[in-house]
Amino acid sequence: MVSKRKVDSIYDRYHTKPRILVRELYYHIVGRDKLANYSLTGRGGGTTAIPENIFDGIERFVNDKARKKKFTISHDEYKNVFSYMCGTLRNPKKSKKNKKNKKDKKAKKAKKDKKDKKDKSRDKEKKNKKKRHLSPSTGGHQDSKKKKLIDEDMEID
């Protein structure tokens, strides 16, 4: 049994969000354990139909107490909220923390791979510098033809 004070505090908190209001009222009035065994029609495997007085009573409460028309909930939307709520209680979704952790791990791995590639390219550059040897005839210049021409011009003078 839920007190009137508790129901009013739930309403005051969620009166602008009727979908959340419906869920919270069901959680406190019926309970999560019982809701997991309920369905709208009771035709599913291992479920029973929600009692009509509870189903209609909560819908009427939410719509009658709504301060503005935009805070009401249509009957079809109400049924969808109820069905989805009971279904997720039977088969819970994966938590968002796991998804965030997976994203973080992927980002860290990508960052590490990128760093490893940079390190490998630096190592290759160092190896290439060691392999490059300086010829004594050109004095270590890469443009050896120009250097030879310059040296020849100087010797002629």
C-alpha atoms as a PDB file:
ATOM      1  CA  MET A   1       0.000   0.000   0.000  1.00  0.00           C
ATOM      2  CA  VAL A   2       1.310   3.411  -0.984  1.00  0.00           C
ATOM      3  CA  SER A   3       0.410   6.523   0.947  1.00  0.00           C
ATOM      4  CA  LYS A   4      -1.284   9.517  -0.654  1.00  0.00           C
ATOM      5  CA  ARG A   5       1.700  11.616   0.353  1.00  0.00           C
ATOM      6  CA  LYS A   6       4.082   9.363  -1.608  1.00  0.00           C
ATOM      7  CA  VAL A   7       1.867   9.437  -4.715  1.00  0.00           C
ATOM      8  CA  ASP A   8       1.628  13.234  -4.510  1.00  0.00           C
ATOM      9  CA  SER A   9       5.393  13.598  -4.185  1.00  0.00           C
ATOM     10  CA  ILE A  10       5.893  11.381  -7.263  1.00  0.00           C
ATOM     11  CA  TYR A  11       3.338  13.472  -9.146  1.00  0.00           C
ATOM     12  CA  ASP A  12       4.971  16.759  -8.095  1.00  0.00           C
ATOM     13  CA  ARG A  13       8.328  15.528  -9.313  1.00  0.00           C
ATOM     14  CA  TYR A  14       7.246  14.117 -12.697  1.00  0.00           C
ATOM     15  CA  HIS A  15       4.058  16.050 -13.553  1.00  0.00           C
ATOM     16  CA  THR A  16       5.638  17.457 -16.751  1.00  0.00           C
ATOM     17  CA  LYS A  17       6.790  14.025 -17.965  1.00  0.00           C
ATOM     18  CA  PRO A  18       3.784  11.704 -18.106  1.00  0.00           C
ATOM     19  CA  ARG A  19       5.729   8.673 -19.411  1.00  0.00           C
ATOM     20  CA  ILE A  20       8.099   8.739 -16.457  1.00  0.00           C
ATOM     21  CA  LEU A  21       5.207   9.499 -14.100  1.00  0.00           C
ATOM     22  CA  VAL A  22       3.366   6.366 -15.252  1.00  0.00           C
ATOM     23  CA  ARG A  23       6.447   4.197 -14.735  1.00  0.00           C
ATOM     24  CA  GLU A  24       7.202   5.574 -11.283  1.00  0.00           C
ATOM     25  CA  LEU A  25       3.600   5.132 -10.147  1.00  0.00           C
ATOM     26  CA  TYR A  26       3.614   1.504 -11.302  1.00  0.00           C
ATOM     27  CA  TYR A  27       6.953   0.856  -9.585  1.00  0.00           C
ATOM     28  CA  HIS A  28       5.642   2.160  -6.249  1.00  0.00           C
ATOM     29  CA  ILE A  29       2.055   0.917  -6.395  1.00  0.00           C
ATOM     30  CA  VAL A  30       2.507  -2.541  -7.943  1.00  0.00           C
ATOM     31  CA  GLY A  31       6.219  -3.210  -7.468  1.00  0.00           C
ATOM     32  CA  ARG A  32       8.945  -4.218  -9.922  1.00  0.00           C
ATOM     33  CA  ASP A  33       8.772  -7.929  -9.107  1.00  0.00           C
ATOM     34  CA  LYS A  34       5.063  -8.217  -9.857  1.00  0.00           C
ATOM     35  CA  LEU A  35       5.303  -5.978 -12.938  1.00  0.00           C
ATOM     36  CA  ALA A  36       7.813  -8.346 -14.496  1.00  0.00           C
ATOM     37  CA  ASN A  37       5.095 -11.033 -14.527  1.00  0.00           C
ATOM     38  CA  TYR A  38       2.373  -8.779 -15.944  1.00  0.00           C
ATOM     39  CA  SER A  39       1.524  -7.959 -19.528  1.00  0.00           C
ATOM     40  CA  LEU A  40      -1.216  -5.990 -21.210  1.00  0.00           C
ATOM     41  CA  THR A  41      -3.273  -8.977 -22.346  1.00  0.00           C
ATOM     42  CA  GLY A  42      -1.749 -11.890 -20.412  1.00  0.00           C
ATOM     43  CA  ARG A  43      -1.391 -13.991 -23.561  1.00  0.00           C
ATOM     44  CA  GLY A  44       2.422 -14.093 -23.470  1.00  0.00           C
ATOM     45  CA  GLY A  45       4.274 -17.057 -22.078  1.00  0.00           C
ATOM     46  CA  GLY A  46       4.320 -17.009 -18.296  1.00  0.00           C
ATOM     47  CA  THR A  47       2.619 -13.626 -17.886  1.00  0.00           C
ATOM     48  CA  THR A  48      -0.737 -12.601 -16.500  1.00  0.00           C
ATOM     49  CA  ALA A  49      -2.890  -9.652 -17.501  1.00  0.00           C
ATOM     50  CA  ILE A  50      -2.649  -6.530 -15.382  1.00  0.00           C
ATOM     51  CA  PRO A  51      -5.831  -6.003 -13.337  1.00  0.00           C
ATOM     52  CA  GLU A  52      -8.080  -3.518 -15.152  1.00  0.00           C
ATOM     53  CA  ASN A  53      -8.763  -1.400 -12.077  1.00  0.00           C
ATOM     54  CA  ILE A  54      -5.016  -0.708 -11.635  1.00  0.00           C
ATOM     55  CA  PHE A  55      -4.430  -0.149 -15.352  1.00  0.00           C
ATOM     56  CA  ASP A  56      -7.366   2.255 -15.755  1.00  0.00           C
ATOM     57  CA  GLY A  57      -6.837   3.925 -12.379  1.00  0.00           C
ATOM     58  CA  ILE A  58      -3.264   5.003 -13.043  1.00  0.00           C
ATOM     59  CA  GLU A  59      -4.135   6.271 -16.524  1.00  0.00           C
ATOM     60  CA  ARG A  60      -7.083   8.241 -15.161  1.00  0.00           C
ATOM     61  CA  PHE A  61      -4.959   9.662 -12.316  1.00  0.00           C
ATOM     62  CA  VAL A  62      -2.256  10.905 -14.687  1.00  0.00           C
ATOM     63  CA  ASN A  63      -4.695  12.476 -17.155  1.00  0.00           C
ATOM     64  CA  ASP A  64      -7.118  13.973 -14.588  1.00  0.00           C
ATOM     65  CA  LYS A  65      -4.391  15.564 -12.534  1.00  0.00           C
ATOM     66  CA  ALA A  66      -2.472  16.980 -15.529  1.00  0.00           C
ATOM     67  CA  ARG A  67      -2.174  20.752 -15.252  1.00  0.00           C
ATOM     68  CA  LYS A  68      -2.055  21.302 -19.017  1.00  0.00           C
ATOM     69  CA  LYS A  69      -3.212  19.276 -21.991  1.00  0.00           C
ATOM     70  CA  LYS A  70       0.394  18.741 -23.124  1.00  0.00           C
ATOM     71  CA  PHE A  71       1.093  16.864 -19.875  1.00  0.00           C
ATOM     72  CA  THR A  72      -1.572  14.231 -20.577  1.00  0.00           C
ATOM     73  CA  ILE A  73      -0.855  10.856 -22.143  1.00  0.00           C
ATOM     74  CA  SER A  74      -2.876   9.189 -24.913  1.00  0.00           C
ATOM     75  CA  HIS A  75      -4.253   5.698 -24.396  1.00  0.00           C
ATOM     76  CA  ASP A  76      -2.006   4.191 -27.101  1.00  0.00           C
ATOM     77  CA  GLU A  77       1.093   5.818 -25.651  1.00  0.00           C
ATOM     78  CA  TYR A  78       0.068   4.657 -22.180  1.00  0.00           C
ATOM     79  CA  LYS A  79      -0.227   1.062 -23.419  1.00  0.00           C
ATOM     80  CA  ASN A  80       3.188   1.321 -25.096  1.00  0.00           C
ATOM     81  CA  VAL A  81       4.804   2.654 -21.915  1.00  0.00           C
ATOM     82  CA  PHE A  82       3.288  -0.159 -19.874  1.00  0.00           C
ATOM     83  CA  SER A  83       4.274  -2.905 -22.334  1.00  0.00           C
ATOM     84  CA  TYR A  84       7.813  -1.593 -22.729  1.00  0.00           C
ATOM     85  CA  MET A  85       8.234  -1.220 -18.973  1.00  0.00           C
ATOM     86  CA  CYS A  86       7.112  -4.790 -18.264  1.00  0.00           C
ATOM     87  CA  GLY A  87       9.248  -6.160 -21.094  1.00  0.00           C
ATOM     88  CA  THR A  88      12.409  -4.442 -19.896  1.00  0.00           C
ATOM     89  CA  LEU A  89      11.784  -5.669 -16.358  1.00  0.00           C
ATOM     90  CA  ARG A  90      11.638  -9.243 -17.702  1.00  0.00           C
ATOM     91  CA  ASN A  91      14.640  -8.805 -20.009  1.00  0.00           C
ATOM     92  CA  PRO A  92      16.790  -5.911 -18.745  1.00  0.00           C
ATOM     93  CA  LYS A  93      18.836  -3.838 -21.164  1.00  0.00           C
ATOM     94  CA  LYS A  94      22.604  -3.736 -20.945  1.00  0.00           C
ATOM     95  CA  SER A  95      23.787  -0.900 -18.769  1.00  0.00           C
ATOM     96  CA  LYS A  96      25.139   2.324 -20.239  1.00  0.00           C
ATOM     97  CA  LYS A  97      28.293   2.039 -18.146  1.00  0.00           C
ATOM     98  CA  ASN A  98      29.381  -1.011 -20.139  1.00  0.00           C
ATOM     99  CA  LYS A  99      28.820   0.845 -23.403  1.00  0.00           C
ATOM    100  CA  LYS A 100      30.837   3.813 -22.173  1.00  0.00           C
ATOM    101  CA  ASN A 101      33.636   1.557 -20.992  1.00  0.00           C
ATOM    102  CA  LYS A 102      33.748  -0.144 -24.389  1.00  0.00           C
ATOM    103  CA  LYS A 103      33.918   3.231 -26.133  1.00  0.00           C
ATOM    104  CA  ASP A 104      36.674   4.382 -23.786  1.00  0.00           C
ATOM    105  CA  LYS A 105      38.629   1.187 -24.371  1.00  0.00           C
ATOM    106  CA  LYS A 106      38.301   1.563 -28.146  1.00  0.00           C
ATOM    107  CA  ALA A 107      39.424   5.187 -27.978  1.00  0.00           C
ATOM    108  CA  LYS A 108      42.415   4.294 -25.806  1.00  0.00           C
ATOM    109  CA  LYS A 109      43.364   1.444 -28.107  1.00  0.00           C
ATOM    110  CA  ALA A 110      43.128   3.686 -31.188  1.00  0.00           C
ATOM    111  CA  LYS A 111      45.280   6.298 -29.463  1.00  0.00           C
ATOM    112  CA  LYS A 112      47.845   3.665 -28.503  1.00  0.00           C
ATOM    113  CA  ASP A 113      47.934   2.260 -32.052  1.00  0.00           C
ATOM    114  CA  LYS A 114      48.464   5.740 -33.443  1.00  0.00           C
ATOM    115  CA  LYS A 115      51.333   6.314 -31.010  1.00  0.00           C
ATOM    116  CA  ASP A 116      52.884   2.956 -31.933  1.00  0.00           C
ATOM    117  CA  LYS A 117      52.758   3.879 -35.620  1.00  0.00           C
ATOM    118  CA  LYS A 118      54.553   7.150 -34.905  1.00  0.00           C
ATOM    119  CA  ASP A 119      57.212   5.325 -32.909  1.00  0.00           C
ATOM    120  CA  LYS A 120      57.734   2.819 -35.718  1.00  0.00           C
ATOM    121  CA  SER A 121      58.083   5.567 -38.298  1.00  0.00           C
ATOM    122  CA  ARG A 122      60.660   7.318 -36.085  1.00  0.00           C
ATOM    123  CA  ASP A 123      62.603   4.079 -35.765  1.00  0.00           C
ATOM    124  CA  LYS A 124      62.603   3.661 -39.545  1.00  0.00           C
ATOM    125  CA  GLU A 125      63.895   7.205 -39.990  1.00  0.00           C
ATOM    126  CA  LYS A 126      66.732   6.532 -37.545  1.00  0.00           C
ATOM    127  CA  LYS A 127      67.667   3.346 -39.392  1.00  0.00           C
ATOM    128  CA  ASN A 128      67.645   5.139 -42.727  1.00  0.00           C
ATOM    129  CA  LYS A 129      69.933   7.862 -41.338  1.00  0.00           C
ATOM    130  CA  LYS A 130      72.382   5.227 -40.110  1.00  0.00           C
ATOM    131  CA  LYS A 131      72.363   3.482 -43.488  1.00  0.00           C
ATOM    132  CA  ARG A 132      73.076   6.694 -45.353  1.00  0.00           C
ATOM    133  CA  HIS A 133      76.802   7.042 -45.570  1.00  0.00           C
ATOM    134  CA  LEU A 134      78.788  10.027 -46.617  1.00  0.00           C
ATOM    135  CA  SER A 135      81.099   9.694 -49.572  1.00  0.00           C
ATOM    136  CA  PRO A 136      84.504  11.296 -49.029  1.00  0.00           C
ATOM    137  CA  SER A 137      84.646  12.724 -52.549  1.00  0.00           C
ATOM    138  CA  THR A 138      81.572  14.895 -52.099  1.00  0.00           C
ATOM    139  CA  GLY A 139      82.256  15.953 -48.546  1.00  0.00           C
ATOM    140  CA  GLY A 140      78.934  14.574 -47.365  1.00  0.00           C
ATOM    141  CA  HIS A 141      76.767  16.706 -49.610  1.00  0.00           C
ATOM    142  CA  GLN A 142      73.749  15.062 -51.100  1.00  0.00           C
ATOM    143  CA  ASP A 143      73.990  17.138 -54.202  1.00  0.00           C
ATOM    144  CA  SER A 144      77.289  15.564 -55.156  1.00  0.00           C
ATOM    145  CA  LYS A 145      77.232  16.728 -58.805  1.00  0.00           C
ATOM    146  CA  LYS A 146      76.908  20.373 -57.792  1.00  0.00           C
ATOM    147  CA  LYS A 147      79.652  19.948 -55.220  1.00  0.00           C
ATOM    148  CA  LYS A 148      81.974  18.373 -57.793  1.00  0.00           C
ATOM    149  CA  LEU A 149      81.315  21.216 -60.222  1.00  0.00           C
ATOM    150  CA  ILE A 150      81.950  23.791 -57.547  1.00  0.00           C
ATOM    151  CA  ASP A 151      85.162  22.035 -56.489  1.00  0.00           C
ATOM    152  CA  GLU A 152      86.337  21.805 -60.117  1.00  0.00           C
ATOM    153  CA  ASP A 153      85.657  25.521 -60.656  1.00  0.00           C
ATOM    154  CA  MET A 154      87.677  26.385 -57.576  1.00  0.00           C
ATOM    155  CA  GLU A 155      90.592  24.236 -58.658  1.00  0.00           C
ATOM    156  CA  ILE A 156      90.706  25.792 -62.094  1.00  0.00           C
ATOM    157  CA  ASP A 157      91.065  29.282 -60.754  1.00  0.00           C
END
